Amino acid sequence: MPIDFTQYFKKYEALVETAERAFEKVASEYSDCVKCKIGCSDCCYALFDISLVEALYINHHFLNDLDQNTREDLVERADNADRLIYRIKRKAYKAAAGGKQEADVLSAMTSERVQCPLLNRDKKCDLYNYRPITCRLYGIPTAISGTGHTCGISGFEQGRAYPTVHIDIFYRKLYEMSLEIVAAIRSRHVKMADMLVPVSMALITDYNEEYLGIGDGEENIE
């Protein structure tokens, strides 16, 4: 039986609105620097993971808003992307295990380019209205753990001060929502909210009761 996450999706959508307002504020003040436009897909090749609540949200709209042919195409693209992401993360793990500095490992990963499976042949997002918050903030200056980032094709100049969105705040809110979901469904996977996955995995995962750890079963604290 499908699980109703409507109340959590509404909370998530409120956070999405906050992100949209933040983007629009910067974009209106620095319209000459923000290069986002229809047909631009630079952000669709960034490597990042999403929280449980976003994964559930995207999976829900993937299953309910797209026709069968589109879903089949997406699954094929998601499988390809997931295999590539696995190889990239495996390479990063080996580099870290071999003594490479964490900052260098993360820097190398951010330079990797993996096409998001949601990007279709027309270079448009198949679930644009439901895309993750990371996608919505791409194109303006952001900061993660104190380190600044911006779109490589934007007009923001290095060394100049601009309004910056501290994306860690959004990540913390997403984590809190995910924790709330795990508690509400009484999942035996008590640390499931800690798990981040790429969009590709969110699309191809069956978030059924077994996967979510609902009902009888051995408790898993990993």
N, C-alpha and C. Protein backbone atom coordinates (compact mmCIF):
# COMPACT_ATOMS: atom_id res chain seq x y z
N MET A 1 0.85 -1.20 0.00
CA MET A 1 0.00 0.00 0.00
C MET A 1 0.88 1.25 0.00
N PRO A 2 0.67 2.19 -0.94
CA PRO A 2 1.50 3.40 -0.99
C PRO A 2 1.42 4.20 0.31
N ILE A 3 2.53 4.78 0.69
CA ILE A 3 2.58 5.59 1.90
C ILE A 3 2.31 7.04 1.54
N ASP A 4 1.48 7.71 2.30
CA ASP A 4 1.11 9.10 2.02
C ASP A 4 2.09 10.05 2.71
N PHE A 5 2.91 10.71 1.90
CA PHE A 5 3.89 11.66 2.43
C PHE A 5 3.45 13.11 2.20
N THR A 6 2.16 13.32 1.93
CA THR A 6 1.66 14.64 1.54
C THR A 6 2.06 15.74 2.52
N GLN A 7 1.90 15.51 3.81
CA GLN A 7 2.19 16.56 4.79
C GLN A 7 3.67 16.94 4.79
N TYR A 8 4.52 15.97 4.51
CA TYR A 8 5.96 16.26 4.47
C TYR A 8 6.34 16.95 3.16
N PHE A 9 5.65 16.58 2.10
CA PHE A 9 5.90 17.23 0.82
C PHE A 9 5.50 18.70 0.88
N LYS A 10 4.44 19.02 1.62
CA LYS A 10 4.02 20.41 1.76
C LYS A 10 5.08 21.22 2.51
N LYS A 11 5.67 20.63 3.53
CA LYS A 11 6.75 21.31 4.26
C LYS A 11 7.95 21.51 3.35
N TYR A 12 8.23 20.50 2.55
CA TYR A 12 9.34 20.60 1.61
C TYR A 12 9.08 21.70 0.59
N GLU A 13 7.87 21.77 0.07
CA GLU A 13 7.53 22.78 -0.92
C GLU A 13 7.63 24.19 -0.35
N ALA A 14 7.37 24.35 0.95
CA ALA A 14 7.54 25.65 1.59
C ALA A 14 9.02 26.04 1.60
N LEU A 15 9.88 25.07 1.82
CA LEU A 15 11.33 25.33 1.79
C LEU A 15 11.78 25.65 0.36
N VAL A 16 11.18 24.97 -0.60
CA VAL A 16 11.47 25.25 -2.01
C VAL A 16 11.13 26.71 -2.33
N GLU A 17 10.01 27.19 -1.83
CA GLU A 17 9.60 28.57 -2.06
C GLU A 17 10.62 29.55 -1.48
N THR A 18 11.19 29.20 -0.32
CA THR A 18 12.22 30.04 0.29
C THR A 18 13.46 30.10 -0.61
N ALA A 19 13.84 28.95 -1.15
CA ALA A 19 14.98 28.90 -2.06
C ALA A 19 14.71 29.71 -3.32
N GLU A 20 13.50 29.60 -3.85
CA GLU A 20 13.14 30.35 -5.05
C GLU A 20 13.22 31.85 -4.81
N ARG A 21 12.74 32.29 -3.65
CA ARG A 21 12.79 33.72 -3.31
C ARG A 21 14.23 34.20 -3.19
N ALA A 22 15.08 33.37 -2.59
CA ALA A 22 16.50 33.72 -2.45
C ALA A 22 17.15 33.89 -3.82
N PHE A 23 16.84 32.96 -4.71
CA PHE A 23 17.41 33.04 -6.06
C PHE A 23 16.92 34.30 -6.77
N GLU A 24 15.61 34.54 -6.72
CA GLU A 24 15.04 35.68 -7.43
C GLU A 24 15.57 37.00 -6.90
N LYS A 25 15.83 37.08 -5.61
CA LYS A 25 16.36 38.31 -5.02
C LYS A 25 17.73 38.64 -5.59
N VAL A 26 18.60 37.64 -5.62
CA VAL A 26 19.94 37.85 -6.15
C VAL A 26 19.88 38.10 -7.66
N ALA A 27 19.03 37.33 -8.35
CA ALA A 27 18.92 37.47 -9.80
C ALA A 27 18.40 38.84 -10.20
N SER A 28 17.50 39.42 -9.40
CA SER A 28 16.96 40.74 -9.72
C SER A 28 17.99 41.84 -9.47
N GLU A 29 18.84 41.64 -8.47
CA GLU A 29 19.85 42.65 -8.14
C GLU A 29 21.08 42.54 -9.04
N TYR A 30 21.35 41.35 -9.54
CA TYR A 30 22.53 41.12 -10.38
C TYR A 30 22.12 40.40 -11.66
N SER A 31 21.16 40.98 -12.35
CA SER A 31 20.62 40.34 -13.56
C SER A 31 21.68 40.17 -14.64
N ASP A 32 22.71 41.05 -14.63
CA ASP A 32 23.76 40.93 -15.64
C ASP A 32 24.71 39.78 -15.35
N CYS A 33 24.69 39.27 -14.11
CA CYS A 33 25.59 38.19 -13.72
C CYS A 33 24.94 36.81 -13.81
N VAL A 34 23.64 36.76 -13.62
CA VAL A 34 22.92 35.48 -13.65
C VAL A 34 22.59 35.13 -15.10
N LYS A 35 23.14 34.04 -15.59
CA LYS A 35 23.02 33.67 -17.00
C LYS A 35 21.99 32.56 -17.24
N CYS A 36 21.23 32.19 -16.23
CA CYS A 36 20.24 31.12 -16.38
C CYS A 36 19.19 31.49 -17.43
N LYS A 37 18.91 30.57 -18.33
CA LYS A 37 17.91 30.80 -19.36
C LYS A 37 17.46 29.45 -19.91
N ILE A 38 16.36 29.46 -20.62
CA ILE A 38 15.87 28.23 -21.24
C ILE A 38 16.90 27.72 -22.24
N GLY A 39 17.22 26.45 -22.12
CA GLY A 39 18.21 25.84 -23.00
C GLY A 39 19.57 25.69 -22.36
N CYS A 40 19.81 26.43 -21.26
CA CYS A 40 21.08 26.27 -20.54
C CYS A 40 20.97 25.06 -19.62
N SER A 41 21.96 24.19 -19.68
CA SER A 41 21.90 22.96 -18.87
C SER A 41 23.20 22.72 -18.10
N ASP A 42 23.95 23.78 -17.83
CA ASP A 42 25.23 23.63 -17.14
C ASP A 42 25.05 22.95 -15.78
N CYS A 43 23.99 23.33 -15.06
CA CYS A 43 23.76 22.76 -13.73
C CYS A 43 23.36 21.29 -13.80
N CYS A 44 22.96 20.82 -14.97
CA CYS A 44 22.49 19.44 -15.12
C CYS A 44 23.62 18.43 -15.23
N TYR A 45 24.86 18.91 -15.08
CA TYR A 45 26.02 18.03 -15.11
C TYR A 45 26.79 18.06 -13.80
N ALA A 46 26.23 18.74 -12.79
CA ALA A 46 26.88 18.82 -11.48
C ALA A 46 26.66 17.53 -10.71
N LEU A 47 27.66 17.15 -9.93
CA LEU A 47 27.59 15.92 -9.15
C LEU A 47 27.18 16.27 -7.72
N PHE A 48 26.00 15.83 -7.30
CA PHE A 48 25.54 16.08 -5.93
C PHE A 48 24.51 15.03 -5.54
N ASP A 49 24.29 14.91 -4.23
CA ASP A 49 23.32 13.95 -3.70
C ASP A 49 22.16 14.70 -3.05
N ILE A 50 21.06 13.99 -2.84
CA ILE A 50 19.88 14.60 -2.24
C ILE A 50 19.44 13.81 -1.01
N SER A 51 18.68 14.49 -0.17
CA SER A 51 18.21 13.90 1.09
C SER A 51 17.02 12.98 0.86
N LEU A 52 16.62 12.30 1.92
CA LEU A 52 15.50 11.36 1.84
C LEU A 52 14.22 12.06 1.40
N VAL A 53 13.89 13.20 1.99
CA VAL A 53 12.64 13.87 1.65
C VAL A 53 12.63 14.29 0.18
N GLU A 54 13.75 14.75 -0.35
CA GLU A 54 13.79 15.13 -1.76
C GLU A 54 13.72 13.90 -2.66
N ALA A 55 14.38 12.83 -2.25
CA ALA A 55 14.34 11.59 -3.03
C ALA A 55 12.91 11.06 -3.13
N LEU A 56 12.19 11.07 -2.02
CA LEU A 56 10.80 10.62 -2.01
C LEU A 56 9.93 11.51 -2.88
N TYR A 57 10.18 12.81 -2.81
CA TYR A 57 9.40 13.79 -3.57
C TYR A 57 9.59 13.61 -5.07
N ILE A 58 10.84 13.48 -5.49
CA ILE A 58 11.14 13.29 -6.91
C ILE A 58 10.60 11.95 -7.40
N ASN A 59 10.78 10.91 -6.60
CA ASN A 59 10.28 9.59 -6.96
C ASN A 59 8.77 9.61 -7.13
N HIS A 60 8.09 10.31 -6.24
CA HIS A 60 6.62 10.41 -6.30
C HIS A 60 6.17 11.04 -7.62
N HIS A 61 6.79 12.14 -8.00
CA HIS A 61 6.38 12.83 -9.22
C HIS A 61 6.85 12.09 -10.47
N PHE A 62 7.95 11.37 -10.36
CA PHE A 62 8.39 10.51 -11.46
C PHE A 62 7.33 9.45 -11.76
N LEU A 63 6.78 8.86 -10.72
CA LEU A 63 5.79 7.79 -10.89
C LEU A 63 4.42 8.31 -11.28
N ASN A 64 4.07 9.52 -10.85
CA ASN A 64 2.70 10.00 -11.01
C ASN A 64 2.50 11.07 -12.08
N ASP A 65 3.58 11.71 -12.54
CA ASP A 65 3.41 12.83 -13.45
C ASP A 65 3.92 12.56 -14.87
N LEU A 66 4.58 11.43 -15.08
CA LEU A 66 5.18 11.15 -16.39
C LEU A 66 4.52 9.93 -17.03
N ASP A 67 4.47 9.94 -18.35
CA ASP A 67 3.90 8.78 -19.05
C ASP A 67 4.92 7.64 -19.06
N GLN A 68 4.46 6.47 -19.45
CA GLN A 68 5.28 5.27 -19.39
C GLN A 68 6.54 5.38 -20.24
N ASN A 69 6.41 5.90 -21.45
CA ASN A 69 7.57 6.00 -22.33
C ASN A 69 8.64 6.92 -21.74
N THR A 70 8.21 8.03 -21.17
CA THR A 70 9.17 8.95 -20.55
C THR A 70 9.84 8.30 -19.36
N ARG A 71 9.07 7.57 -18.57
CA ARG A 71 9.64 6.88 -17.41
C ARG A 71 10.67 5.84 -17.85
N GLU A 72 10.36 5.11 -18.91
CA GLU A 72 11.29 4.09 -19.39
C GLU A 72 12.60 4.72 -19.86
N ASP A 73 12.50 5.84 -20.57
CA ASP A 73 13.71 6.55 -21.01
C ASP A 73 14.51 7.04 -19.81
N LEU A 74 13.80 7.54 -18.82
CA LEU A 74 14.46 8.05 -17.62
C LEU A 74 15.17 6.95 -16.85
N VAL A 75 14.55 5.80 -16.75
CA VAL A 75 15.16 4.68 -16.04
C VAL A 75 16.46 4.27 -16.72
N GLU A 76 16.45 4.24 -18.06
CA GLU A 76 17.67 3.88 -18.79
C GLU A 76 18.77 4.91 -18.52
N ARG A 77 18.42 6.19 -18.57
CA ARG A 77 19.41 7.22 -18.30
C ARG A 77 19.88 7.19 -16.85
N ALA A 78 18.96 6.88 -15.94
CA ALA A 78 19.30 6.81 -14.52
C ALA A 78 20.26 5.65 -14.25
N ASP A 79 20.04 4.52 -14.90
CA ASP A 79 20.93 3.37 -14.75
C ASP A 79 22.35 3.72 -15.20
N ASN A 80 22.44 4.39 -16.36
CA ASN A 80 23.75 4.78 -16.88
C ASN A 80 24.45 5.77 -15.95
N ALA A 81 23.70 6.76 -15.47
CA ALA A 81 24.27 7.76 -14.58
C ALA A 81 24.70 7.13 -13.26
N ASP A 82 23.89 6.21 -12.75
CA ASP A 82 24.20 5.59 -11.46
C ASP A 82 25.49 4.78 -11.52
N ARG A 83 25.70 4.09 -12.63
CA ARG A 83 26.95 3.33 -12.78
C ARG A 83 28.16 4.24 -12.84
N LEU A 84 28.02 5.36 -13.55
CA LEU A 84 29.13 6.31 -13.64
C LEU A 84 29.42 6.96 -12.29
N ILE A 85 28.37 7.33 -11.58
CA ILE A 85 28.55 7.94 -10.26
C ILE A 85 29.21 6.97 -9.31
N TYR A 86 28.85 5.70 -9.39
CA TYR A 86 29.47 4.70 -8.53
C TYR A 86 30.97 4.64 -8.78
N ARG A 87 31.36 4.65 -10.05
CA ARG A 87 32.79 4.60 -10.37
C ARG A 87 33.53 5.83 -9.85
N ILE A 88 32.90 6.99 -9.96
CA ILE A 88 33.52 8.23 -9.48
C ILE A 88 33.69 8.18 -7.97
N LYS A 89 32.65 7.74 -7.27
CA LYS A 89 32.72 7.68 -5.81
C LYS A 89 33.70 6.61 -5.35
N ARG A 90 33.78 5.52 -6.10
CA ARG A 90 34.75 4.47 -5.77
C ARG A 90 36.17 5.00 -5.92
N LYS A 91 36.41 5.74 -6.97
CA LYS A 91 37.72 6.34 -7.20
C LYS A 91 38.07 7.31 -6.07
N ALA A 92 37.09 8.11 -5.63
CA ALA A 92 37.31 9.06 -4.54
C ALA A 92 37.61 8.34 -3.24
N TYR A 93 36.88 7.24 -3.00
CA TYR A 93 37.11 6.46 -1.78
C TYR A 93 38.54 5.91 -1.75
N LYS A 94 38.98 5.38 -2.87
CA LYS A 94 40.33 4.82 -2.93
C LYS A 94 41.38 5.92 -2.74
N ALA A 95 41.11 7.10 -3.29
CA ALA A 95 42.05 8.21 -3.13
C ALA A 95 42.15 8.62 -1.67
N ALA A 96 41.02 8.68 -0.99
CA ALA A 96 41.01 9.05 0.43
C ALA A 96 41.69 7.98 1.27
N ALA A 97 41.42 6.71 0.93
CA ALA A 97 42.04 5.60 1.67
C ALA A 97 43.54 5.58 1.45
N GLY A 98 43.97 6.10 0.29
CA GLY A 98 45.39 6.13 -0.02
C GLY A 98 46.13 7.31 0.59
N GLY A 99 45.40 8.13 1.35
CA GLY A 99 46.05 9.22 2.06
C GLY A 99 45.87 10.59 1.45
N LYS A 100 45.11 10.70 0.37
CA LYS A 100 44.90 11.99 -0.25
C LYS A 100 44.04 12.87 0.65
N GLN A 101 44.36 14.15 0.73
CA GLN A 101 43.64 15.06 1.59
C GLN A 101 42.16 15.15 1.19
N GLU A 102 41.29 15.24 2.20
CA GLU A 102 39.85 15.27 1.94
C GLU A 102 39.48 16.43 1.02
N ALA A 103 40.08 17.60 1.25
CA ALA A 103 39.77 18.77 0.43
C ALA A 103 40.11 18.52 -1.03
N ASP A 104 41.22 17.83 -1.27
CA ASP A 104 41.63 17.53 -2.64
C ASP A 104 40.70 16.51 -3.29
N VAL A 105 40.25 15.54 -2.48
CA VAL A 105 39.32 14.53 -2.99
C VAL A 105 38.00 15.19 -3.38
N LEU A 106 37.49 16.06 -2.51
CA LEU A 106 36.22 16.74 -2.79
C LEU A 106 36.34 17.67 -3.98
N SER A 107 37.49 18.33 -4.09
CA SER A 107 37.71 19.23 -5.22
C SER A 107 37.70 18.45 -6.53
N ALA A 108 38.32 17.28 -6.52
CA ALA A 108 38.35 16.44 -7.72
C ALA A 108 36.94 15.98 -8.09
N MET A 109 36.13 15.66 -7.09
CA MET A 109 34.77 15.19 -7.36
C MET A 109 33.90 16.31 -7.94
N THR A 110 34.10 17.54 -7.45
CA THR A 110 33.28 18.64 -7.96
C THR A 110 33.59 18.97 -9.41
N SER A 111 34.74 18.54 -9.88
CA SER A 111 35.10 18.79 -11.28
C SER A 111 34.53 17.73 -12.23
N GLU A 112 33.99 16.65 -11.66
CA GLU A 112 33.40 15.59 -12.48
C GLU A 112 32.09 16.07 -13.12
N ARG A 113 31.83 15.61 -14.32
CA ARG A 113 30.61 16.00 -15.05
C ARG A 113 29.79 14.75 -15.34
N VAL A 114 28.61 14.68 -14.76
CA VAL A 114 27.71 13.55 -14.98
C VAL A 114 26.34 14.12 -15.36
N GLN A 115 25.84 13.72 -16.52
CA GLN A 115 24.54 14.25 -16.95
C GLN A 115 23.42 13.72 -16.07
N CYS A 116 22.62 14.63 -15.54
CA CYS A 116 21.46 14.23 -14.75
C CYS A 116 20.48 13.47 -15.64
N PRO A 117 19.94 12.37 -15.18
CA PRO A 117 19.01 11.59 -16.00
C PRO A 117 17.73 12.35 -16.34
N LEU A 118 17.43 13.40 -15.57
CA LEU A 118 16.23 14.18 -15.85
C LEU A 118 16.38 15.06 -17.08
N LEU A 119 17.62 15.26 -17.53
CA LEU A 119 17.86 16.08 -18.72
C LEU A 119 17.55 15.26 -19.97
N ASN A 120 16.52 15.67 -20.70
CA ASN A 120 16.09 14.88 -21.85
C ASN A 120 16.83 15.27 -23.13
N ARG A 121 16.43 14.67 -24.23
CA ARG A 121 17.13 14.89 -25.51
C ARG A 121 16.99 16.32 -26.02
N ASP A 122 15.97 17.02 -25.55
CA ASP A 122 15.77 18.42 -25.94
C ASP A 122 16.48 19.38 -24.99
N LYS A 123 17.33 18.82 -24.12
CA LYS A 123 18.07 19.60 -23.14
C LYS A 123 17.14 20.36 -22.18
N LYS A 124 16.05 19.69 -21.83
CA LYS A 124 15.12 20.23 -20.84
C LYS A 124 14.93 19.20 -19.73
N CYS A 125 14.56 19.68 -18.56
CA CYS A 125 14.37 18.80 -17.41
C CYS A 125 12.98 18.19 -17.45
N ASP A 126 12.91 16.86 -17.37
CA ASP A 126 11.62 16.17 -17.41
C ASP A 126 10.78 16.42 -16.16
N LEU A 127 11.42 16.83 -15.08
CA LEU A 127 10.69 17.12 -13.83
C LEU A 127 11.10 18.50 -13.31
N TYR A 128 11.12 19.47 -14.22
CA TYR A 128 11.64 20.80 -13.86
C TYR A 128 10.92 21.40 -12.66
N ASN A 129 9.62 21.28 -12.59
CA ASN A 129 8.86 21.89 -11.48
C ASN A 129 9.14 21.21 -10.14
N TYR A 130 9.76 20.04 -10.19
CA TYR A 130 10.01 19.27 -8.96
C TYR A 130 11.50 19.03 -8.73
N ARG A 131 12.34 19.77 -9.42
CA ARG A 131 13.79 19.60 -9.30
C ARG A 131 14.28 19.93 -7.89
N PRO A 132 15.43 19.36 -7.49
CA PRO A 132 15.95 19.58 -6.13
C PRO A 132 16.31 21.04 -5.86
N ILE A 133 16.44 21.36 -4.58
CA ILE A 133 16.78 22.72 -4.17
C ILE A 133 18.17 23.11 -4.67
N THR A 134 19.10 22.17 -4.70
CA THR A 134 20.43 22.46 -5.22
C THR A 134 20.35 23.01 -6.64
N CYS A 135 19.49 22.45 -7.46
CA CYS A 135 19.31 22.92 -8.84
C CYS A 135 18.73 24.33 -8.86
N ARG A 136 17.82 24.60 -7.96
CA ARG A 136 17.14 25.89 -7.93
C ARG A 136 18.07 27.04 -7.53
N LEU A 137 19.12 26.73 -6.79
CA LEU A 137 20.04 27.77 -6.33
C LEU A 137 21.29 27.87 -7.21
N TYR A 138 21.42 26.97 -8.14
CA TYR A 138 22.57 26.99 -9.04
C TYR A 138 22.48 28.23 -9.92
N GLY A 139 23.58 28.93 -10.08
CA GLY A 139 23.58 30.12 -10.92
C GLY A 139 23.81 31.41 -10.15
N ILE A 140 23.66 31.34 -8.80
CA ILE A 140 23.96 32.48 -7.94
C ILE A 140 25.03 32.04 -6.94
N PRO A 141 25.71 32.98 -6.28
CA PRO A 141 26.73 32.60 -5.30
C PRO A 141 26.13 31.84 -4.11
N THR A 142 26.72 30.70 -3.80
CA THR A 142 26.33 29.91 -2.64
C THR A 142 27.57 29.57 -1.84
N ALA A 143 27.36 29.14 -0.61
CA ALA A 143 28.47 28.71 0.23
C ALA A 143 28.09 27.42 0.93
N ILE A 144 29.02 26.47 0.94
CA ILE A 144 28.85 25.20 1.62
C ILE A 144 30.03 25.02 2.56
N SER A 145 29.74 24.90 3.85
CA SER A 145 30.79 24.76 4.87
C SER A 145 31.84 25.87 4.75
N GLY A 146 31.36 27.06 4.44
CA GLY A 146 32.24 28.21 4.39
C GLY A 146 32.95 28.42 3.06
N THR A 147 32.81 27.48 2.15
CA THR A 147 33.47 27.58 0.85
C THR A 147 32.48 28.07 -0.21
N GLY A 148 32.85 29.14 -0.92
CA GLY A 148 31.96 29.73 -1.89
C GLY A 148 31.95 28.99 -3.22
N HIS A 149 30.81 29.02 -3.89
CA HIS A 149 30.65 28.40 -5.20
C HIS A 149 29.74 29.26 -6.05
N THR A 150 29.92 29.19 -7.35
CA THR A 150 28.97 29.80 -8.27
C THR A 150 29.09 29.12 -9.63
N CYS A 151 28.12 29.34 -10.45
CA CYS A 151 28.09 28.75 -11.79
C CYS A 151 29.28 29.26 -12.60
N GLY A 152 29.94 28.36 -13.31
CA GLY A 152 31.12 28.71 -14.07
C GLY A 152 30.86 29.63 -15.25
N ILE A 153 29.61 29.69 -15.71
CA ILE A 153 29.31 30.55 -16.85
C ILE A 153 28.60 31.84 -16.42
N SER A 154 28.47 32.03 -15.11
CA SER A 154 27.84 33.26 -14.62
C SER A 154 28.80 34.43 -14.76
N GLY A 155 28.29 35.63 -14.50
CA GLY A 155 29.13 36.81 -14.59
C GLY A 155 29.68 37.27 -13.25
N PHE A 156 29.50 36.46 -12.21
CA PHE A 156 30.03 36.82 -10.89
C PHE A 156 31.56 36.70 -10.91
N GLU A 157 32.24 37.73 -10.45
CA GLU A 157 33.69 37.80 -10.52
C GLU A 157 34.34 37.35 -9.21
N GLN A 158 35.36 36.54 -9.34
CA GLN A 158 36.09 36.05 -8.18
C GLN A 158 36.75 37.23 -7.45
N GLY A 159 36.63 37.21 -6.13
CA GLY A 159 37.24 38.25 -5.32
C GLY A 159 36.31 39.39 -4.95
N ARG A 160 35.17 39.49 -5.64
CA ARG A 160 34.18 40.51 -5.31
C ARG A 160 33.15 39.96 -4.34
N ALA A 161 32.58 40.85 -3.54
CA ALA A 161 31.57 40.44 -2.55
C ALA A 161 30.18 40.51 -3.17
N TYR A 162 29.45 39.41 -3.03
CA TYR A 162 28.08 39.36 -3.52
C TYR A 162 27.19 38.74 -2.43
N PRO A 163 25.87 38.99 -2.49
CA PRO A 163 24.96 38.27 -1.59
C PRO A 163 25.12 36.77 -1.83
N THR A 164 25.29 36.01 -0.76
CA THR A 164 25.58 34.58 -0.88
C THR A 164 24.57 33.76 -0.09
N VAL A 165 24.03 32.75 -0.71
CA VAL A 165 23.09 31.85 -0.03
C VAL A 165 23.89 30.74 0.65
N HIS A 166 23.73 30.62 1.96
CA HIS A 166 24.41 29.57 2.70
C HIS A 166 23.56 28.31 2.62
N ILE A 167 23.94 27.49 1.68
CA ILE A 167 23.12 26.32 1.35
C ILE A 167 23.10 25.28 2.48
N ASP A 168 24.06 25.37 3.39
CA ASP A 168 24.06 24.47 4.55
C ASP A 168 22.76 24.58 5.34
N ILE A 169 22.20 25.80 5.39
CA ILE A 169 20.95 26.01 6.12
C ILE A 169 19.83 25.19 5.50
N PHE A 170 19.79 25.17 4.18
CA PHE A 170 18.77 24.37 3.50
C PHE A 170 19.03 22.88 3.73
N TYR A 171 20.28 22.47 3.68
CA TYR A 171 20.60 21.06 3.91
C TYR A 171 20.18 20.62 5.30
N ARG A 172 20.37 21.50 6.27
CA ARG A 172 19.98 21.15 7.63
C ARG A 172 18.46 20.98 7.74
N LYS A 173 17.71 21.86 7.09
CA LYS A 173 16.26 21.76 7.09
C LYS A 173 15.80 20.47 6.41
N LEU A 174 16.45 20.11 5.32
CA LEU A 174 16.11 18.87 4.61
C LEU A 174 16.39 17.66 5.48
N TYR A 175 17.49 17.72 6.22
CA TYR A 175 17.83 16.61 7.12
C TYR A 175 16.79 16.50 8.23
N GLU A 176 16.36 17.63 8.77
CA GLU A 176 15.36 17.61 9.83
C GLU A 176 14.04 17.04 9.32
N MET A 177 13.65 17.38 8.10
CA MET A 177 12.43 16.82 7.52
C MET A 177 12.57 15.32 7.32
N SER A 178 13.74 14.89 6.88
CA SER A 178 13.98 13.46 6.67
C SER A 178 13.92 12.71 8.00
N LEU A 179 14.49 13.29 9.04
CA LEU A 179 14.42 12.70 10.37
C LEU A 179 12.97 12.55 10.82
N GLU A 180 12.18 13.57 10.54
CA GLU A 180 10.77 13.54 10.93
C GLU A 180 10.03 12.41 10.22
N ILE A 181 10.35 12.19 8.95
CA ILE A 181 9.72 11.11 8.20
C ILE A 181 10.09 9.75 8.78
N VAL A 182 11.38 9.57 9.04
CA VAL A 182 11.86 8.29 9.59
C VAL A 182 11.18 7.99 10.92
N ALA A 183 11.01 9.02 11.75
CA ALA A 183 10.35 8.82 13.04
C ALA A 183 8.86 8.53 12.86
N ALA A 184 8.22 9.25 11.94
CA ALA A 184 6.77 9.10 11.76
C ALA A 184 6.40 7.73 11.22
N ILE A 185 7.19 7.17 10.32
CA ILE A 185 6.86 5.86 9.75
C ILE A 185 7.40 4.72 10.62
N ARG A 186 8.09 5.10 11.70
CA ARG A 186 8.66 4.13 12.64
C ARG A 186 9.56 3.12 11.93
N SER A 187 10.42 3.68 11.10
CA SER A 187 11.34 2.83 10.36
C SER A 187 12.34 2.15 11.29
N ARG A 188 12.63 0.91 11.00
CA ARG A 188 13.66 0.22 11.78
C ARG A 188 15.06 0.64 11.32
N HIS A 189 15.13 1.33 10.19
CA HIS A 189 16.41 1.88 9.72
C HIS A 189 16.57 3.26 10.33
N VAL A 190 16.97 3.32 11.56
CA VAL A 190 16.91 4.57 12.33
C VAL A 190 17.85 5.65 11.82
N LYS A 191 18.83 5.28 11.01
CA LYS A 191 19.76 6.27 10.47
C LYS A 191 19.54 6.53 8.98
N MET A 192 18.36 6.17 8.52
CA MET A 192 18.07 6.34 7.11
C MET A 192 18.11 7.80 6.68
N ALA A 193 17.79 8.72 7.59
CA ALA A 193 17.81 10.14 7.26
C ALA A 193 19.21 10.64 6.95
N ASP A 194 20.22 9.90 7.41
CA ASP A 194 21.61 10.29 7.15
C ASP A 194 22.05 9.96 5.72
N MET A 195 21.29 9.13 5.06
CA MET A 195 21.69 8.63 3.75
C MET A 195 21.34 9.63 2.66
N LEU A 196 22.33 9.98 1.84
CA LEU A 196 22.13 10.84 0.69
C LEU A 196 22.33 10.02 -0.59
N VAL A 197 21.52 10.29 -1.59
CA VAL A 197 21.60 9.53 -2.83
C VAL A 197 21.57 10.47 -4.03
N PRO A 198 22.15 10.06 -5.15
CA PRO A 198 22.02 10.87 -6.37
C PRO A 198 20.60 10.80 -6.92
N VAL A 199 20.25 11.75 -7.75
CA VAL A 199 18.92 11.77 -8.35
C VAL A 199 18.65 10.47 -9.10
N SER A 200 19.67 9.93 -9.75
CA SER A 200 19.50 8.69 -10.51
C SER A 200 18.97 7.57 -9.63
N MET A 201 19.52 7.44 -8.43
CA MET A 201 19.07 6.38 -7.53
C MET A 201 17.67 6.65 -7.00
N ALA A 202 17.35 7.91 -6.77
CA ALA A 202 16.01 8.26 -6.30
C ALA A 202 14.95 7.85 -7.32
N LEU A 203 15.29 7.94 -8.59
CA LEU A 203 14.34 7.59 -9.64
C LEU A 203 14.09 6.09 -9.74
N ILE A 204 15.13 5.30 -9.55
CA ILE A 204 14.99 3.86 -9.80
C ILE A 204 14.72 3.05 -8.52
N THR A 205 14.68 3.72 -7.38
CA THR A 205 14.43 3.03 -6.12
C THR A 205 12.93 2.84 -5.89
N ASP A 206 12.56 1.67 -5.42
CA ASP A 206 11.17 1.39 -5.04
C ASP A 206 11.05 1.66 -3.54
N TYR A 207 10.49 2.82 -3.21
CA TYR A 207 10.38 3.20 -1.80
C TYR A 207 9.15 2.54 -1.16
N ASN A 208 9.20 1.22 -1.11
CA ASN A 208 8.10 0.47 -0.51
C ASN A 208 8.36 0.27 0.98
N GLU A 209 7.46 -0.43 1.63
CA GLU A 209 7.57 -0.60 3.08
C GLU A 209 8.83 -1.36 3.46
N GLU A 210 9.19 -2.35 2.66
CA GLU A 210 10.39 -3.12 2.95
C GLU A 210 11.63 -2.23 2.89
N TYR A 211 11.72 -1.43 1.82
CA TYR A 211 12.89 -0.56 1.68
C TYR A 211 12.95 0.46 2.81
N LEU A 212 11.81 1.01 3.19
CA LEU A 212 11.75 2.04 4.22
C LEU A 212 11.85 1.47 5.63
N GLY A 213 11.84 0.16 5.74
CA GLY A 213 11.99 -0.44 7.06
C GLY A 213 10.76 -0.36 7.92
N ILE A 214 9.61 -0.48 7.31
CA ILE A 214 8.35 -0.40 8.03
C ILE A 214 7.83 -1.81 8.31
N GLY A 215 7.36 -2.04 9.52
CA GLY A 215 6.83 -3.36 9.86
C GLY A 215 7.86 -4.24 10.53
N ASP A 216 7.55 -5.55 10.56
CA ASP A 216 8.42 -6.50 11.23
C ASP A 216 9.74 -6.64 10.50
N GLY A 217 10.75 -6.94 11.25
CA GLY A 217 12.08 -7.13 10.69
C GLY A 217 13.13 -6.81 11.72
N GLU A 218 14.33 -7.29 11.46
CA GLU A 218 15.42 -7.04 12.39
C GLU A 218 15.81 -5.57 12.35
N GLU A 219 15.96 -4.96 13.52
CA GLU A 219 16.29 -3.55 13.57
C GLU A 219 17.69 -3.30 13.04
N ASN A 220 17.80 -2.26 12.26
CA ASN A 220 19.09 -1.90 11.64
C ASN A 220 19.45 -0.50 12.05
N ILE A 221 20.57 -0.34 12.73
CA ILE A 221 20.96 0.98 13.20
C ILE A 221 22.05 1.59 12.34
N GLU A 222 22.40 0.90 11.25
CA GLU A 222 23.46 1.43 10.38
C GLU A 222 22.90 2.48 9.44
